[in-house]
Structure formats: C-alpha cells, structure tokens
Amino acid sequence: MVSLRIPEDFLLELDQRIGLEGTRNRSDVIREAIKMYIKNPLSQLGDRIEVNLGPDLSVRMKDFCKIHAESPESVLKQGAKELIRRETIEGDTVDKLLSSRMEEIQMRYDSESNAQ
C-alpha cells in the first residue's frame, strides 16, 4: 500500500474517470494510469505532444490503426518524420536554388561593375 497526496483538481478529474474502461473506484483509475505509464519504455522519453485530431480525422485514425495494426502514436510519429524529411529536402532544394540564383546575380553585377 502506498499513500500519496493528490491535489483536489486532480481528484475531481480522477473521479470523472470512475466507471470508464471497467474502473470501479479511484484505486482502479490510479492503477490503470500507472499501468499506462509503465508500458511506455524509457527509451521513448522525449517531448510529448497532445493533438486534437477533431471528429473526422479521429474516426479515420481509428480505422487506419485497426486495418494496419498500428497505434495512433506510431502513425503520428511516422507522419511527423515523413513531413519533416520532405520539408527538409524541399527546403534544402529551395535554399540551394536561391543561393545559386543569388550567386549568379552577384557575378553579373560584379562583371557589369568591372566593365564600366
């Protein structure tokens, strides 16, 4: 048995979860929260971000996860990796093009300045 102090606002939220997912009392809710916390391996420590997908995307996410046997966390992580990779490649390409164009303009300006 473990004793702990929980702020009143947390207790109110805790009480709202009683009856959900088979929980019968505060102890059940706390045990479930601890199980969820322990299931996350320490190697996955990092920033945690909550995303409100909205009703339409939530339904699509649930369906996708069922079909592909993936967790929403895994799908969102892969989506973020892909978006960052794509934007980095495209951004790098745009930066190279701009840099090349600036060098071309600078060379033209320099040659026109030297011609006079």
PDB file of N, CA and C in Angstrom:
ATOM      1  N   MET A   1       0.850  -1.180   0.000  1.00  0.00           N
ATOM      2  CA  MET A   1       0.000   0.000   0.000  1.00  0.00           C
ATOM      3  C   MET A   1       0.893   1.239   0.000  1.00  0.00           C
ATOM      4  N   VAL A   2       0.469   2.231  -0.745  1.00  0.00           N
ATOM      5  CA  VAL A   2       1.217   3.473  -0.865  1.00  0.00           C
ATOM      6  C   VAL A   2       0.271   4.628  -0.591  1.00  0.00           C
ATOM      7  N   SER A   3       0.739   5.585   0.198  1.00  0.00           N
ATOM      8  CA  SER A   3      -0.045   6.792   0.445  1.00  0.00           C
ATOM      9  C   SER A   3       0.514   7.910  -0.413  1.00  0.00           C
ATOM     10  N   LEU A   4      -0.382   8.734  -0.930  1.00  0.00           N
ATOM     11  CA  LEU A   4       0.074   9.883  -1.687  1.00  0.00           C
ATOM     12  C   LEU A   4      -0.947  10.989  -1.598  1.00  0.00           C
ATOM     13  N   ARG A   5      -0.458  12.208  -1.805  1.00  0.00           N
ATOM     14  CA  ARG A   5      -1.337  13.369  -1.786  1.00  0.00           C
ATOM     15  C   ARG A   5      -1.636  13.759  -3.228  1.00  0.00           C
ATOM     16  N   ILE A   6      -2.907  13.983  -3.488  1.00  0.00           N
ATOM     17  CA  ILE A   6      -3.334  14.370  -4.830  1.00  0.00           C
ATOM     18  C   ILE A   6      -4.123  15.664  -4.694  1.00  0.00           C
ATOM     19  N   PRO A   7      -3.753  16.687  -5.458  1.00  0.00           N
ATOM     20  CA  PRO A   7      -4.494  17.956  -5.396  1.00  0.00           C
ATOM     21  C   PRO A   7      -5.972  17.751  -5.737  1.00  0.00           C
ATOM     22  N   GLU A   8      -6.797  18.601  -5.169  1.00  0.00           N
ATOM     23  CA  GLU A   8      -8.241  18.445  -5.323  1.00  0.00           C
ATOM     24  C   GLU A   8      -8.693  18.488  -6.774  1.00  0.00           C
ATOM     25  N   ASP A   9      -8.069  19.356  -7.601  1.00  0.00           N
ATOM     26  CA  ASP A   9      -8.490  19.431  -9.003  1.00  0.00           C
ATOM     27  C   ASP A   9      -8.170  18.123  -9.735  1.00  0.00           C
ATOM     28  N   PHE A  10      -7.076  17.461  -9.357  1.00  0.00           N
ATOM     29  CA  PHE A  10      -6.757  16.153  -9.947  1.00  0.00           C
ATOM     30  C   PHE A  10      -7.774  15.108  -9.486  1.00  0.00           C
ATOM     31  N   LEU A  11      -8.174  15.192  -8.212  1.00  0.00           N
ATOM     32  CA  LEU A  11      -9.166  14.235  -7.693  1.00  0.00           C
ATOM     33  C   LEU A  11     -10.488  14.363  -8.445  1.00  0.00           C
ATOM     34  N   LEU A  12     -10.876  15.595  -8.753  1.00  0.00           N
ATOM     35  CA  LEU A  12     -12.124  15.793  -9.498  1.00  0.00           C
ATOM     36  C   LEU A  12     -12.037  15.138 -10.873  1.00  0.00           C
ATOM     37  N   GLU A  13     -10.894  15.314 -11.543  1.00  0.00           N
ATOM     38  CA  GLU A  13     -10.712  14.680 -12.849  1.00  0.00           C
ATOM     39  C   GLU A  13     -10.645  13.168 -12.704  1.00  0.00           C
ATOM     40  N   LEU A  14      -9.990  12.712 -11.650  1.00  0.00           N
ATOM     41  CA  LEU A  14      -9.880  11.277 -11.382  1.00  0.00           C
ATOM     42  C   LEU A  14     -11.278  10.685 -11.187  1.00  0.00           C
ATOM     43  N   ASP A  15     -12.104  11.370 -10.400  1.00  0.00           N
ATOM     44  CA  ASP A  15     -13.463  10.884 -10.136  1.00  0.00           C
ATOM     45  C   ASP A  15     -14.308  10.813 -11.404  1.00  0.00           C
ATOM     46  N   GLN A  16     -14.033  11.703 -12.370  1.00  0.00           N
ATOM     47  CA  GLN A  16     -14.788  11.680 -13.622  1.00  0.00           C
ATOM     48  C   GLN A  16     -14.473  10.429 -14.437  1.00  0.00           C
ATOM     49  N   ARG A  17     -13.337   9.811 -14.175  1.00  0.00           N
ATOM     50  CA  ARG A  17     -12.940   8.620 -14.936  1.00  0.00           C
ATOM     51  C   ARG A  17     -13.422   7.313 -14.301  1.00  0.00           C
ATOM     52  N   ILE A  18     -13.971   7.414 -13.107  1.00  0.00           N
ATOM     53  CA  ILE A  18     -14.514   6.209 -12.466  1.00  0.00           C
ATOM     54  C   ILE A  18     -15.696   5.717 -13.296  1.00  0.00           C
ATOM     55  N   GLY A  19     -15.699   4.429 -13.575  1.00  0.00           N
ATOM     56  CA  GLY A  19     -16.762   3.841 -14.371  1.00  0.00           C
ATOM     57  C   GLY A  19     -16.380   3.669 -15.828  1.00  0.00           C
ATOM     58  N   LEU A  20     -15.318   4.347 -16.258  1.00  0.00           N
ATOM     59  CA  LEU A  20     -14.849   4.203 -17.632  1.00  0.00           C
ATOM     60  C   LEU A  20     -13.869   3.040 -17.706  1.00  0.00           C
ATOM     61  N   GLU A  21     -13.928   2.287 -18.777  1.00  0.00           N
ATOM     62  CA  GLU A  21     -12.998   1.191 -19.037  1.00  0.00           C
ATOM     63  C   GLU A  21     -12.916   0.203 -17.867  1.00  0.00           C
ATOM     64  N   GLY A  22     -14.036  -0.024 -17.226  1.00  0.00           N
ATOM     65  CA  GLY A  22     -14.102  -1.038 -16.183  1.00  0.00           C
ATOM     66  C   GLY A  22     -13.611  -0.610 -14.817  1.00  0.00           C
ATOM     67  N   THR A  23     -13.303   0.668 -14.631  1.00  0.00           N
ATOM     68  CA  THR A  23     -12.834   1.111 -13.317  1.00  0.00           C
ATOM     69  C   THR A  23     -14.018   1.318 -12.387  1.00  0.00           C
ATOM     70  N   ARG A  24     -13.838   0.877 -11.127  1.00  0.00           N
ATOM     71  CA  ARG A  24     -14.934   0.963 -10.158  1.00  0.00           C
ATOM     72  C   ARG A  24     -14.713   2.028  -9.096  1.00  0.00           C
ATOM     73  N   ASN A  25     -13.454   2.469  -8.937  1.00  0.00           N
ATOM     74  CA  ASN A  25     -13.146   3.439  -7.887  1.00  0.00           C
ATOM     75  C   ASN A  25     -11.838   4.162  -8.218  1.00  0.00           C
ATOM     76  N   ARG A  26     -11.440   5.064  -7.344  1.00  0.00           N
ATOM     77  CA  ARG A  26     -10.209   5.835  -7.566  1.00  0.00           C
ATOM     78  C   ARG A  26      -8.989   4.925  -7.686  1.00  0.00           C
ATOM     79  N   SER A  27      -8.936   3.900  -6.853  1.00  0.00           N
ATOM     80  CA  SER A  27      -7.781   2.997  -6.884  1.00  0.00           C
ATOM     81  C   SER A  27      -7.643   2.325  -8.251  1.00  0.00           C
ATOM     82  N   ASP A  28      -8.771   1.905  -8.829  1.00  0.00           N
ATOM     83  CA  ASP A  28      -8.729   1.295 -10.167  1.00  0.00           C
ATOM     84  C   ASP A  28      -8.203   2.289 -11.205  1.00  0.00           C
ATOM     85  N   VAL A  29      -8.671   3.535 -11.128  1.00  0.00           N
ATOM     86  CA  VAL A  29      -8.239   4.554 -12.082  1.00  0.00           C
ATOM     87  C   VAL A  29      -6.739   4.796 -11.936  1.00  0.00           C
ATOM     88  N   ILE A  30      -6.260   4.892 -10.712  1.00  0.00           N
ATOM     89  CA  ILE A  30      -4.837   5.129 -10.461  1.00  0.00           C
ATOM     90  C   ILE A  30      -4.012   3.945 -10.938  1.00  0.00           C
ATOM     91  N   ARG A  31      -4.479   2.724 -10.681  1.00  0.00           N
ATOM     92  CA  ARG A  31      -3.755   1.534 -11.154  1.00  0.00           C
ATOM     93  C   ARG A  31      -3.652   1.528 -12.678  1.00  0.00           C
ATOM     94  N   GLU A  32      -4.750   1.867 -13.358  1.00  0.00           N
ATOM     95  CA  GLU A  32      -4.730   1.917 -14.828  1.00  0.00           C
ATOM     96  C   GLU A  32      -3.758   2.981 -15.325  1.00  0.00           C
ATOM     97  N   ALA A  33      -3.735   4.122 -14.662  1.00  0.00           N
ATOM     98  CA  ALA A  33      -2.811   5.193 -15.060  1.00  0.00           C
ATOM     99  C   ALA A  33      -1.365   4.737 -14.888  1.00  0.00           C
ATOM    100  N   ILE A  34      -1.084   4.049 -13.810  1.00  0.00           N
ATOM    101  CA  ILE A  34       0.273   3.546 -13.561  1.00  0.00           C
ATOM    102  C   ILE A  34       0.645   2.500 -14.614  1.00  0.00           C
ATOM    103  N   LYS A  35      -0.290   1.614 -14.947  1.00  0.00           N
ATOM    104  CA  LYS A  35      -0.018   0.605 -15.987  1.00  0.00           C
ATOM    105  C   LYS A  35       0.328   1.282 -17.308  1.00  0.00           C
ATOM    106  N   MET A  36      -0.449   2.308 -17.678  1.00  0.00           N
ATOM    107  CA  MET A  36      -0.177   3.020 -18.930  1.00  0.00           C
ATOM    108  C   MET A  36       1.191   3.688 -18.885  1.00  0.00           C
ATOM    109  N   TYR A  37       1.538   4.247 -17.753  1.00  0.00           N
ATOM    110  CA  TYR A  37       2.824   4.916 -17.602  1.00  0.00           C
ATOM    111  C   TYR A  37       3.973   3.914 -17.714  1.00  0.00           C
ATOM    112  N   ILE A  38       3.822   2.778 -17.091  1.00  0.00           N
ATOM    113  CA  ILE A  38       4.886   1.766 -17.095  1.00  0.00           C
ATOM    114  C   ILE A  38       5.032   1.128 -18.477  1.00  0.00           C
ATOM    115  N   LYS A  39       3.957   1.027 -19.244  1.00  0.00           N
ATOM    116  CA  LYS A  39       4.030   0.433 -20.581  1.00  0.00           C
ATOM    117  C   LYS A  39       4.913   1.230 -21.526  1.00  0.00           C
ATOM    118  N   ASN A  40       5.049   2.531 -21.309  1.00  0.00           N
ATOM    119  CA  ASN A  40       5.900   3.358 -22.165  1.00  0.00           C
ATOM    120  C   ASN A  40       7.353   3.120 -21.787  1.00  0.00           C
ATOM    121  N   PRO A  41       8.129   2.512 -22.685  1.00  0.00           N
ATOM    122  CA  PRO A  41       9.535   2.249 -22.359  1.00  0.00           C
ATOM    123  C   PRO A  41      10.311   3.551 -22.180  1.00  0.00           C
ATOM    124  N   LEU A  42      11.339   3.478 -21.339  1.00  0.00           N
ATOM    125  CA  LEU A  42      12.140   4.661 -21.065  1.00  0.00           C
ATOM    126  C   LEU A  42      12.855   5.165 -22.311  1.00  0.00           C
ATOM    127  N   SER A  43      13.104   4.270 -23.271  1.00  0.00           N
ATOM    128  CA  SER A  43      13.787   4.691 -24.487  1.00  0.00           C
ATOM    129  C   SER A  43      12.944   5.656 -25.314  1.00  0.00           C
ATOM    130  N   GLN A  44      11.668   5.729 -25.026  1.00  0.00           N
ATOM    131  CA  GLN A  44      10.794   6.629 -25.776  1.00  0.00           C
ATOM    132  C   GLN A  44      10.619   7.971 -25.083  1.00  0.00           C
ATOM    133  N   LEU A  45      11.498   8.260 -24.127  1.00  0.00           N
ATOM    134  CA  LEU A  45      11.395   9.550 -23.469  1.00  0.00           C
ATOM    135  C   LEU A  45      11.664  10.642 -24.482  1.00  0.00           C
ATOM    136  N   GLY A  46      10.981  11.692 -24.379  1.00  0.00           N
ATOM    137  CA  GLY A  46      11.107  12.815 -25.295  1.00  0.00           C
ATOM    138  C   GLY A  46       9.911  13.720 -25.079  1.00  0.00           C
ATOM    139  N   ASP A  47       9.814  14.715 -25.902  1.00  0.00           N
ATOM    140  CA  ASP A  47       8.678  15.617 -25.761  1.00  0.00           C
ATOM    141  C   ASP A  47       7.392  14.872 -26.083  1.00  0.00           C
ATOM    142  N   ARG A  48       6.406  15.119 -25.292  1.00  0.00           N
ATOM    143  CA  ARG A  48       5.105  14.509 -25.508  1.00  0.00           C
ATOM    144  C   ARG A  48       4.155  15.620 -25.928  1.00  0.00           C
ATOM    145  N   ILE A  49       3.442  15.399 -27.005  1.00  0.00           N
ATOM    146  CA  ILE A  49       2.558  16.418 -27.545  1.00  0.00           C
ATOM    147  C   ILE A  49       1.161  15.828 -27.677  1.00  0.00           C
ATOM    148  N   GLU A  50       0.176  16.556 -27.208  1.00  0.00           N
ATOM    149  CA  GLU A  50      -1.201  16.121 -27.375  1.00  0.00           C
ATOM    150  C   GLU A  50      -1.773  16.822 -28.593  1.00  0.00           C
ATOM    151  N   VAL A  51      -2.483  16.063 -29.408  1.00  0.00           N
ATOM    152  CA  VAL A  51      -3.050  16.608 -30.642  1.00  0.00           C
ATOM    153  C   VAL A  51      -4.542  16.303 -30.674  1.00  0.00           C
ATOM    154  N   ASN A  52      -5.339  17.342 -30.862  1.00  0.00           N
ATOM    155  CA  ASN A  52      -6.770  17.147 -31.039  1.00  0.00           C
ATOM    156  C   ASN A  52      -7.009  16.944 -32.528  1.00  0.00           C
ATOM    157  N   LEU A  53      -7.325  15.720 -32.925  1.00  0.00           N
ATOM    158  CA  LEU A  53      -7.495  15.399 -34.337  1.00  0.00           C
ATOM    159  C   LEU A  53      -8.835  15.850 -34.895  1.00  0.00           C
ATOM    160  N   GLY A  54      -9.763  16.171 -34.026  1.00  0.00           N
ATOM    161  CA  GLY A  54     -11.104  16.510 -34.493  1.00  0.00           C
ATOM    162  C   GLY A  54     -11.871  15.238 -34.795  1.00  0.00           C
ATOM    163  N   PRO A  55     -13.176  15.342 -34.928  1.00  0.00           N
ATOM    164  CA  PRO A  55     -14.003  14.140 -35.080  1.00  0.00           C
ATOM    165  C   PRO A  55     -13.728  13.352 -36.359  1.00  0.00           C
ATOM    166  N   ASP A  56     -13.596  14.025 -37.486  1.00  0.00           N
ATOM    167  CA  ASP A  56     -13.421  13.336 -38.765  1.00  0.00           C
ATOM    168  C   ASP A  56     -12.097  12.569 -38.814  1.00  0.00           C
ATOM    169  N   LEU A  57     -11.020  13.253 -38.464  1.00  0.00           N
ATOM    170  CA  LEU A  57      -9.706  12.615 -38.509  1.00  0.00           C
ATOM    171  C   LEU A  57      -9.572  11.546 -37.424  1.00  0.00           C
ATOM    172  N   SER A  58     -10.253  11.728 -36.302  1.00  0.00           N
ATOM    173  CA  SER A  58     -10.231  10.710 -35.240  1.00  0.00           C
ATOM    174  C   SER A  58     -10.804   9.385 -35.738  1.00  0.00           C
ATOM    175  N   VAL A  59     -11.912   9.469 -36.446  1.00  0.00           N
ATOM    176  CA  VAL A  59     -12.537   8.258 -36.989  1.00  0.00           C
ATOM    177  C   VAL A  59     -11.606   7.604 -38.006  1.00  0.00           C
ATOM    178  N   ARG A  60     -11.028   8.420 -38.882  1.00  0.00           N
ATOM    179  CA  ARG A  60     -10.115   7.878 -39.898  1.00  0.00           C
ATOM    180  C   ARG A  60      -8.881   7.256 -39.253  1.00  0.00           C
ATOM    181  N   MET A  61      -8.384   7.881 -38.191  1.00  0.00           N
ATOM    182  CA  MET A  61      -7.209   7.357 -37.481  1.00  0.00           C
ATOM    183  C   MET A  61      -7.540   6.001 -36.858  1.00  0.00           C
ATOM    184  N   LYS A  62      -8.688   5.895 -36.207  1.00  0.00           N
ATOM    185  CA  LYS A  62      -9.082   4.621 -35.590  1.00  0.00           C
ATOM    186  C   LYS A  62      -9.187   3.524 -36.639  1.00  0.00           C
ATOM    187  N   ASP A  63      -9.829   3.835 -37.757  1.00  0.00           N
ATOM    188  CA  ASP A  63      -9.974   2.848 -38.826  1.00  0.00           C
ATOM    189  C   ASP A  63      -8.607   2.435 -39.376  1.00  0.00           C
ATOM    190  N   PHE A  64      -7.756   3.422 -39.628  1.00  0.00           N
ATOM    191  CA  PHE A  64      -6.420   3.138 -40.159  1.00  0.00           C
ATOM    192  C   PHE A  64      -5.642   2.240 -39.193  1.00  0.00           C
ATOM    193  N   CYS A  65      -5.700   2.567 -37.922  1.00  0.00           N
ATOM    194  CA  CYS A  65      -4.961   1.786 -36.916  1.00  0.00           C
ATOM    195  C   CYS A  65      -5.481   0.363 -36.826  1.00  0.00           C
ATOM    196  N   LYS A  66      -6.783   0.178 -36.941  1.00  0.00           N
ATOM    197  CA  LYS A  66      -7.347  -1.176 -36.925  1.00  0.00           C
ATOM    198  C   LYS A  66      -6.877  -1.974 -38.134  1.00  0.00           C
ATOM    199  N   ILE A  67      -6.939  -1.357 -39.295  1.00  0.00           N
ATOM    200  CA  ILE A  67      -6.568  -2.043 -40.541  1.00  0.00           C
ATOM    201  C   ILE A  67      -5.095  -2.417 -40.554  1.00  0.00           C
ATOM    202  N   HIS A  68      -4.236  -1.493 -40.082  1.00  0.00           N
ATOM    203  CA  HIS A  68      -2.791  -1.697 -40.175  1.00  0.00           C
ATOM    204  C   HIS A  68      -2.153  -2.162 -38.871  1.00  0.00           C
ATOM    205  N   ALA A  69      -2.960  -2.405 -37.851  1.00  0.00           N
ATOM    206  CA  ALA A  69      -2.466  -2.850 -36.542  1.00  0.00           C
ATOM    207  C   ALA A  69      -1.359  -1.933 -36.030  1.00  0.00           C
ATOM    208  N   GLU A  70      -1.606  -0.647 -36.100  1.00  0.00           N
ATOM    209  CA  GLU A  70      -0.659   0.367 -35.626  1.00  0.00           C
ATOM    210  C   GLU A  70      -1.315   1.159 -34.503  1.00  0.00           C
ATOM    211  N   SER A  71      -0.493   1.737 -33.654  1.00  0.00           N
ATOM    212  CA  SER A  71      -1.024   2.624 -32.619  1.00  0.00           C
ATOM    213  C   SER A  71      -1.095   4.047 -33.191  1.00  0.00           C
ATOM    214  N   PRO A  72      -2.008   4.855 -32.683  1.00  0.00           N
ATOM    215  CA  PRO A  72      -2.070   6.239 -33.152  1.00  0.00           C
ATOM    216  C   PRO A  72      -0.738   6.970 -32.945  1.00  0.00           C
ATOM    217  N   GLU A  73      -0.059   6.677 -31.838  1.00  0.00           N
ATOM    218  CA  GLU A  73       1.235   7.314 -31.563  1.00  0.00           C
ATOM    219  C   GLU A  73       2.235   6.985 -32.669  1.00  0.00           C
ATOM    220  N   SER A  74       2.261   5.725 -33.085  1.00  0.00           N
ATOM    221  CA  SER A  74       3.183   5.292 -34.129  1.00  0.00           C
ATOM    222  C   SER A  74       2.859   5.971 -35.457  1.00  0.00           C
ATOM    223  N   VAL A  75       1.580   6.058 -35.785  1.00  0.00           N
ATOM    224  CA  VAL A  75       1.159   6.683 -37.043  1.00  0.00           C
ATOM    225  C   VAL A  75       1.539   8.165 -37.045  1.00  0.00           C
ATOM    226  N   LEU A  76       1.260   8.853 -35.943  1.00  0.00           N
ATOM    227  CA  LEU A  76       1.586  10.274 -35.872  1.00  0.00           C
ATOM    228  C   LEU A  76       3.090  10.509 -35.905  1.00  0.00           C
ATOM    229  N   LYS A  77       3.855   9.636 -35.239  1.00  0.00           N
ATOM    230  CA  LYS A  77       5.312   9.786 -35.239  1.00  0.00           C
ATOM    231  C   LYS A  77       5.864   9.607 -36.650  1.00  0.00           C
ATOM    232  N   GLN A  78       5.377   8.581 -37.362  1.00  0.00           N
ATOM    233  CA  GLN A  78       5.835   8.352 -38.742  1.00  0.00           C
ATOM    234  C   GLN A  78       5.422   9.507 -39.652  1.00  0.00           C
ATOM    235  N   GLY A  79       4.206  10.009 -39.450  1.00  0.00           N
ATOM    236  CA  GLY A  79       3.744  11.142 -40.253  1.00  0.00           C
ATOM    237  C   GLY A  79       4.614  12.375 -40.026  1.00  0.00           C
ATOM    238  N   ALA A  80       4.973  12.627 -38.772  1.00  0.00           N
ATOM    239  CA  ALA A  80       5.829  13.775 -38.468  1.00  0.00           C
ATOM    240  C   ALA A  80       7.211  13.599 -39.090  1.00  0.00           C
ATOM    241  N   LYS A  81       7.769  12.376 -38.975  1.00  0.00           N
ATOM    242  CA  LYS A  81       9.083  12.112 -39.572  1.00  0.00           C
ATOM    243  C   LYS A  81       9.056  12.351 -41.081  1.00  0.00           C
ATOM    244  N   GLU A  82       8.020  11.853 -41.735  1.00  0.00           N
ATOM    245  CA  GLU A  82       7.912  11.991 -43.187  1.00  0.00           C
ATOM    246  C   GLU A  82       7.750  13.457 -43.588  1.00  0.00           C
ATOM    247  N   LEU A  83       6.909  14.186 -42.878  1.00  0.00           N
ATOM    248  CA  LEU A  83       6.709  15.601 -43.194  1.00  0.00           C
ATOM    249  C   LEU A  83       8.004  16.386 -43.003  1.00  0.00           C
ATOM    250  N   ILE A  84       8.700  16.143 -41.919  1.00  0.00           N
ATOM    251  CA  ILE A  84       9.955  16.845 -41.660  1.00  0.00           C
ATOM    252  C   ILE A  84      10.987  16.476 -42.718  1.00  0.00           C
ATOM    253  N   ARG A  85      11.071  15.195 -43.067  1.00  0.00           N
ATOM    254  CA  ARG A  85      12.021  14.760 -44.096  1.00  0.00           C
ATOM    255  C   ARG A  85      11.719  15.446 -45.430  1.00  0.00           C
ATOM    256  N   ARG A  86      10.441  15.422 -45.822  1.00  0.00           N
ATOM    257  CA  ARG A  86      10.047  16.018 -47.100  1.00  0.00           C
ATOM    258  C   ARG A  86      10.306  17.520 -47.121  1.00  0.00           C
ATOM    259  N   GLU A  87       9.914  18.197 -46.060  1.00  0.00           N
ATOM    260  CA  GLU A  87      10.103  19.647 -46.000  1.00  0.00           C
ATOM    261  C   GLU A  87      11.585  20.001 -45.956  1.00  0.00           C
ATOM    262  N   THR A  88      12.376  19.175 -45.308  1.00  0.00           N
ATOM    263  CA  THR A  88      13.813  19.426 -45.242  1.00  0.00           C
ATOM    264  C   THR A  88      14.432  19.294 -46.626  1.00  0.00           C
ATOM    265  N   ILE A  89      14.047  18.243 -47.347  1.00  0.00           N
ATOM    266  CA  ILE A  89      14.572  18.045 -48.702  1.00  0.00           C
ATOM    267  C   ILE A  89      14.120  19.176 -49.611  1.00  0.00           C
ATOM    268  N   GLU A  90      12.822  19.486 -49.577  1.00  0.00           N
ATOM    269  CA  GLU A  90      12.308  20.553 -50.429  1.00  0.00           C
ATOM    270  C   GLU A  90      12.881  21.898 -50.013  1.00  0.00           C
ATOM    271  N   GLY A  91      12.981  22.117 -48.709  1.00  0.00           N
ATOM    272  CA  GLY A  91      13.548  23.370 -48.208  1.00  0.00           C
ATOM    273  C   GLY A  91      15.000  23.508 -48.604  1.00  0.00           C
ATOM    274  N   ASP A  92      15.736  22.396 -48.529  1.00  0.00           N
ATOM    275  CA  ASP A  92      17.144  22.407 -48.913  1.00  0.00           C
ATOM    276  C   ASP A  92      17.275  22.723 -50.394  1.00  0.00           C
ATOM    277  N   THR A  93      16.404  22.136 -51.202  1.00  0.00           N
ATOM    278  CA  THR A  93      16.421  22.386 -52.649  1.00  0.00           C
ATOM    279  C   THR A  93      16.131  23.849 -52.937  1.00  0.00           C
ATOM    280  N   VAL A  94      15.147  24.406 -52.270  1.00  0.00           N
ATOM    281  CA  VAL A  94      14.802  25.816 -52.468  1.00  0.00           C
ATOM    282  C   VAL A  94      15.965  26.700 -52.028  1.00  0.00           C
ATOM    283  N   ASP A  95      16.576  26.365 -50.887  1.00  0.00           N
ATOM    284  CA  ASP A  95      17.724  27.149 -50.415  1.00  0.00           C
ATOM    285  C   ASP A  95      18.865  27.103 -51.418  1.00  0.00           C
ATOM    286  N   LYS A  96      19.122  25.932 -51.994  1.00  0.00           N
ATOM    287  CA  LYS A  96      20.194  25.804 -52.987  1.00  0.00           C
ATOM    288  C   LYS A  96      19.876  26.622 -54.234  1.00  0.00           C
ATOM    289  N   LEU A  97      18.632  26.556 -54.677  1.00  0.00           N
ATOM    290  CA  LEU A  97      18.233  27.335 -55.857  1.00  0.00           C
ATOM    291  C   LEU A  97      18.380  28.835 -55.608  1.00  0.00           C
ATOM    292  N   LEU A  98      17.932  29.280 -54.448  1.00  0.00           N
ATOM    293  CA  LEU A  98      18.044  30.700 -54.120  1.00  0.00           C
ATOM    294  C   LEU A  98      19.504  31.122 -54.026  1.00  0.00           C
ATOM    295  N   SER A  99      20.300  30.283 -53.380  1.00  0.00           N
ATOM    296  CA  SER A  99      21.724  30.589 -53.239  1.00  0.00           C
ATOM    297  C   SER A  99      22.391  30.656 -54.609  1.00  0.00           C
ATOM    298  N   SER A 100      22.084  29.695 -55.461  1.00  0.00           N
ATOM    299  CA  SER A 100      22.649  29.670 -56.811  1.00  0.00           C
ATOM    300  C   SER A 100      22.236  30.912 -57.591  1.00  0.00           C
ATOM    301  N   ARG A 101      20.981  31.275 -57.480  1.00  0.00           N
ATOM    302  CA  ARG A 101      20.478  32.454 -58.191  1.00  0.00           C
ATOM    303  C   ARG A 101      21.136  33.722 -57.670  1.00  0.00           C
ATOM    304  N   MET A 102      21.331  33.810 -56.363  1.00  0.00           N
ATOM    305  CA  MET A 102      21.981  34.982 -55.778  1.00  0.00           C
ATOM    306  C   MET A 102      23.429  35.086 -56.244  1.00  0.00           C
ATOM    307  N   GLU A 103      24.113  33.960 -56.317  1.00  0.00           N
ATOM    308  CA  GLU A 103      25.494  33.961 -56.811  1.00  0.00           C
ATOM    309  C   GLU A 103      25.538  34.423 -58.265  1.00  0.00           C
ATOM    310  N   GLU A 104      24.593  33.949 -59.058  1.00  0.00           N
ATOM    311  CA  GLU A 104      24.514  34.338 -60.474  1.00  0.00           C
ATOM    312  C   GLU A 104      24.294  35.839 -60.611  1.00  0.00           C
ATOM    313  N   ILE A 105      23.395  36.376 -59.821  1.00  0.00           N
ATOM    314  CA  ILE A 105      23.116  37.813 -59.854  1.00  0.00           C
ATOM    315  C   ILE A 105      24.344  38.593 -59.393  1.00  0.00           C
ATOM    316  N   GLN A 106      24.992  38.115 -58.334  1.00  0.00           N
ATOM    317  CA  GLN A 106      26.181  38.790 -57.827  1.00  0.00           C
ATOM    318  C   GLN A 106      27.294  38.800 -58.871  1.00  0.00           C
ATOM    319  N   MET A 107      27.495  37.665 -59.567  1.00  0.00           N
ATOM    320  CA  MET A 107      28.528  37.585 -60.610  1.00  0.00           C
ATOM    321  C   MET A 107      28.200  38.551 -61.749  1.00  0.00           C
ATOM    322  N   ARG A 108      26.931  38.612 -62.145  1.00  0.00           N
ATOM    323  CA  ARG A 108      26.514  39.519 -63.218  1.00  0.00           C
ATOM    324  C   ARG A 108      26.748  40.972 -62.791  1.00  0.00           C
ATOM    325  N   TYR A 109      26.384  41.266 -61.559  1.00  0.00           N
ATOM    326  CA  TYR A 109      26.577  42.631 -61.044  1.00  0.00           C
ATOM    327  C   TYR A 109      28.066  42.987 -61.028  1.00  0.00           C
ATOM    328  N   ASP A 110      28.878  42.033 -60.541  1.00  0.00           N
ATOM    329  CA  ASP A 110      30.330  42.265 -60.476  1.00  0.00           C
ATOM    330  C   ASP A 110      30.911  42.468 -61.867  1.00  0.00           C
ATOM    331  N   SER A 111      30.490  41.670 -62.837  1.00  0.00           N
ATOM    332  CA  SER A 111      31.035  41.804 -64.194  1.00  0.00           C
ATOM    333  C   SER A 111      30.573  43.109 -64.833  1.00  0.00           C
ATOM    334  N   GLU A 112      29.349  43.545 -64.571  1.00  0.00           N
ATOM    335  CA  GLU A 112      28.875  44.826 -65.101  1.00  0.00           C
ATOM    336  C   GLU A 112      29.617  45.989 -64.446  1.00  0.00           C
ATOM    337  N   SER A 113      29.920  45.863 -63.162  1.00  0.00           N
ATOM    338  CA  SER A 113      30.655  46.905 -62.457  1.00  0.00           C
ATOM    339  C   SER A 113      32.074  47.015 -62.974  1.00  0.00           C
ATOM    340  N   ASN A 114      32.707  45.907 -63.286  1.00  0.00           N
ATOM    341  CA  ASN A 114      34.069  45.892 -63.775  1.00  0.00           C
ATOM    342  C   ASN A 114      34.147  46.377 -65.224  1.00  0.00           C
ATOM    343  N   ALA A 115      33.076  46.241 -66.000  1.00  0.00           N
ATOM    344  CA  ALA A 115      33.069  46.636 -67.412  1.00  0.00           C
ATOM    345  C   ALA A 115      33.085  48.143 -67.560  1.00  0.00           C
ATOM    346  N   GLN A 116      32.575  48.854 -66.597  1.00  0.00           N
ATOM    347  CA  GLN A 116      32.484  50.317 -66.722  1.00  0.00           C
ATOM    348  C   GLN A 116      33.764  50.980 -66.416  1.00  0.00           C
TER     349      GLN A 116
END
